[in-house]
């Protein structure tokens, strides 16, 4: 089962990269806000159908959760908007590696302190080394972008 989750997550990453590229291109013609709106509106329509036919929870329970948990929607919208904004300027690879580095760094801090009910995982030397390698990868990707642009 865990191998299946890894495979599904990899597929999610593949589709996220494709979406970043397509949204970046679309935003050149329609605008950044308009592209983000189109993405969320389309997603909302599709998910409405999925929830109606396959939903297993209670959508109205959002009124009963702690209000800070609703910030997930703001974070998702911010991520999408910033990606749509960045891709046309720095490319899909640089935008996605920057996203991954940001995710890793934030998740390591969240893990270290056990925020939001997550398991506490100390921030150790091996994690710092992992972040350093990711930053090194970002450096080489940007360096390659500059050579291509010149």
Protein backbone atom coordinates (compact mmCIF):
# COMPACT_ATOMS: atom_id res chain seq x y z
CA UNK A 1 0.00 0.00 0.00
CA UNK A 2 2.82 2.47 0.79
CA UNK A 3 4.42 1.77 -2.62
CA UNK A 4 1.10 2.61 -4.25
CA UNK A 5 0.99 5.91 -2.32
CA UNK A 6 4.53 6.74 -3.49
CA UNK A 7 3.54 6.00 -7.10
CA UNK A 8 0.36 8.09 -6.80
CA UNK A 9 2.36 10.95 -5.29
CA UNK A 10 4.85 10.76 -8.15
CA UNK A 11 1.97 10.92 -10.62
CA UNK A 12 0.67 13.94 -8.70
CA UNK A 13 4.07 15.58 -9.08
CA UNK A 14 4.08 14.88 -12.81
CA UNK A 15 0.66 16.45 -13.24
CA UNK A 16 1.67 19.41 -11.07
CA UNK A 17 4.62 20.15 -13.36
CA UNK A 18 2.41 19.91 -16.43
CA UNK A 19 -0.14 22.18 -14.78
CA UNK A 20 2.57 24.73 -13.88
CA UNK A 21 3.78 24.84 -17.46
CA UNK A 22 0.33 25.10 -18.99
CA UNK A 23 -0.82 27.73 -16.47
CA UNK A 24 2.33 29.77 -17.10
CA UNK A 25 1.70 29.76 -20.84
CA UNK A 26 -2.01 30.47 -20.40
CA UNK A 27 -1.30 33.42 -18.11
CA UNK A 28 0.61 35.19 -20.90
CA UNK A 29 -2.66 35.46 -22.84
CA UNK A 30 -5.31 35.66 -20.14
CA UNK A 31 -3.46 37.19 -17.18
CA UNK A 32 -2.19 35.77 -13.90
CA UNK A 33 -5.33 36.33 -11.82
CA UNK A 34 -7.55 35.09 -14.61
CA UNK A 35 -5.53 31.90 -15.02
CA UNK A 36 -5.60 31.23 -11.28
CA UNK A 37 -9.36 31.85 -11.26
CA UNK A 38 -9.93 29.52 -14.21
CA UNK A 39 -7.91 26.77 -12.54
CA UNK A 40 -9.80 27.05 -9.25
CA UNK A 41 -13.21 27.42 -10.89
CA UNK A 42 -12.64 24.33 -13.04
CA UNK A 43 -11.32 22.40 -10.04
CA UNK A 44 -14.32 23.47 -7.96
CA UNK A 45 -16.75 22.25 -10.62
CA UNK A 46 -15.03 18.89 -10.97
CA UNK A 47 -14.70 18.41 -7.21
CA UNK A 48 -18.35 19.32 -6.69
CA UNK A 49 -19.31 16.37 -8.88
CA UNK A 50 -16.81 14.10 -7.12
CA UNK A 51 -18.07 15.12 -3.65
CA UNK A 52 -21.72 14.62 -4.62
CA UNK A 53 -21.18 11.14 -6.03
CA UNK A 54 -18.19 9.83 -4.09
CA UNK A 55 -17.86 12.00 -0.97
CA UNK A 56 -17.67 10.15 2.33
CA UNK A 57 -17.56 13.02 4.79
CA UNK A 58 -19.65 15.98 5.78
CA UNK A 59 -18.71 19.17 3.92
CA UNK A 60 -20.65 21.25 6.46
CA UNK A 61 -18.23 20.17 9.19
CA UNK A 62 -15.94 22.97 7.96
CA UNK A 63 -18.03 25.18 10.24
CA UNK A 64 -17.00 23.07 13.24
CA UNK A 65 -13.22 22.93 12.75
CA UNK A 66 -10.80 25.41 14.32
CA UNK A 67 -10.72 28.48 12.09
CA UNK A 68 -6.93 28.35 11.62
CA UNK A 69 -7.38 25.08 9.70
CA UNK A 70 -9.27 26.94 7.00
CA UNK A 71 -6.05 28.79 6.08
CA UNK A 72 -5.22 25.76 3.92
CA UNK A 73 -7.42 27.26 1.19
CA UNK A 74 -5.52 30.56 1.34
CA UNK A 75 -2.19 28.73 1.16
CA UNK A 76 -3.36 26.67 -1.82
CA UNK A 77 -4.56 29.74 -3.68
CA UNK A 78 -1.32 31.58 -2.88
CA UNK A 79 0.77 28.67 -4.14
CA UNK A 80 -1.13 28.46 -7.41
CA UNK A 81 -1.04 32.22 -8.01
CA UNK A 82 2.68 32.49 -7.25
CA UNK A 83 3.46 29.53 -9.52
CA UNK A 84 1.44 31.04 -12.38
CA UNK A 85 3.35 34.28 -11.82
CA UNK A 86 6.82 32.67 -11.65
CA UNK A 87 6.79 30.06 -14.43
CA UNK A 88 6.79 32.49 -17.39
CA UNK A 89 9.69 34.39 -15.82
CA UNK A 90 11.99 31.63 -14.52
CA UNK A 91 10.73 28.45 -16.19
CA UNK A 92 8.96 25.33 -14.95
CA UNK A 93 12.01 23.57 -13.54
CA UNK A 94 13.26 26.55 -11.53
CA UNK A 95 9.75 27.29 -10.25
CA UNK A 96 9.17 23.68 -9.23
CA UNK A 97 12.56 23.17 -7.57
CA UNK A 98 12.03 26.43 -5.67
CA UNK A 99 8.63 25.15 -4.59
CA UNK A 100 10.09 21.85 -3.43
CA UNK A 101 12.85 23.60 -1.45
CA UNK A 102 10.26 25.84 0.19
CA UNK A 103 8.10 22.81 1.00
CA UNK A 104 11.03 20.86 2.43
CA UNK A 105 12.27 23.74 4.55
CA UNK A 106 8.81 24.55 5.92
CA UNK A 107 7.99 20.89 6.52
CA UNK A 108 11.25 20.35 8.39
CA UNK A 109 10.41 23.24 10.70
CA UNK A 110 6.87 21.91 11.16
CA UNK A 111 8.26 18.43 11.88
CA UNK A 112 10.89 19.75 14.28
CA UNK A 113 8.36 21.57 16.44
CA UNK A 114 5.45 19.16 15.86
CA UNK A 115 3.19 21.98 14.68
CA UNK A 116 -0.36 21.32 13.48
CA UNK A 117 -0.46 17.96 15.25
CA UNK A 118 2.37 16.43 13.23
CA UNK A 119 4.90 13.96 14.58
CA UNK A 120 8.03 15.61 16.01
CA UNK A 121 11.11 14.82 13.92
CA UNK A 122 14.27 16.67 15.00
CA UNK A 123 16.08 18.89 12.52
CA UNK A 124 19.46 17.15 12.33
CA UNK A 125 22.63 17.36 10.26
CA UNK A 126 21.40 14.98 7.54
CA UNK A 127 18.36 17.18 6.97
CA UNK A 128 20.56 20.29 6.71
CA UNK A 129 22.71 18.46 4.16
CA UNK A 130 19.59 17.57 2.16
CA UNK A 131 18.52 21.23 2.08
CA UNK A 132 22.06 22.25 1.06
CA UNK A 133 21.98 19.83 -1.89
CA UNK A 134 18.59 21.14 -2.97
CA UNK A 135 19.91 24.72 -2.85
CA UNK A 136 22.92 23.59 -4.87
CA UNK A 137 20.57 22.04 -7.43
CA UNK A 138 18.63 25.32 -7.61
CA UNK A 139 21.89 27.22 -8.19
CA UNK A 140 22.84 24.96 -11.11
CA UNK A 141 19.35 25.16 -12.60
CA UNK A 142 19.43 28.98 -12.50
CA UNK A 143 22.98 28.97 -13.89
CA UNK A 144 21.77 26.78 -16.76
CA UNK A 145 18.81 29.13 -17.34
CA UNK A 146 21.15 32.11 -17.67
CA UNK A 147 23.34 30.29 -20.22
CA UNK A 148 20.27 29.39 -22.26
CA UNK A 149 18.97 32.96 -22.14
CA UNK A 150 22.32 34.43 -23.27
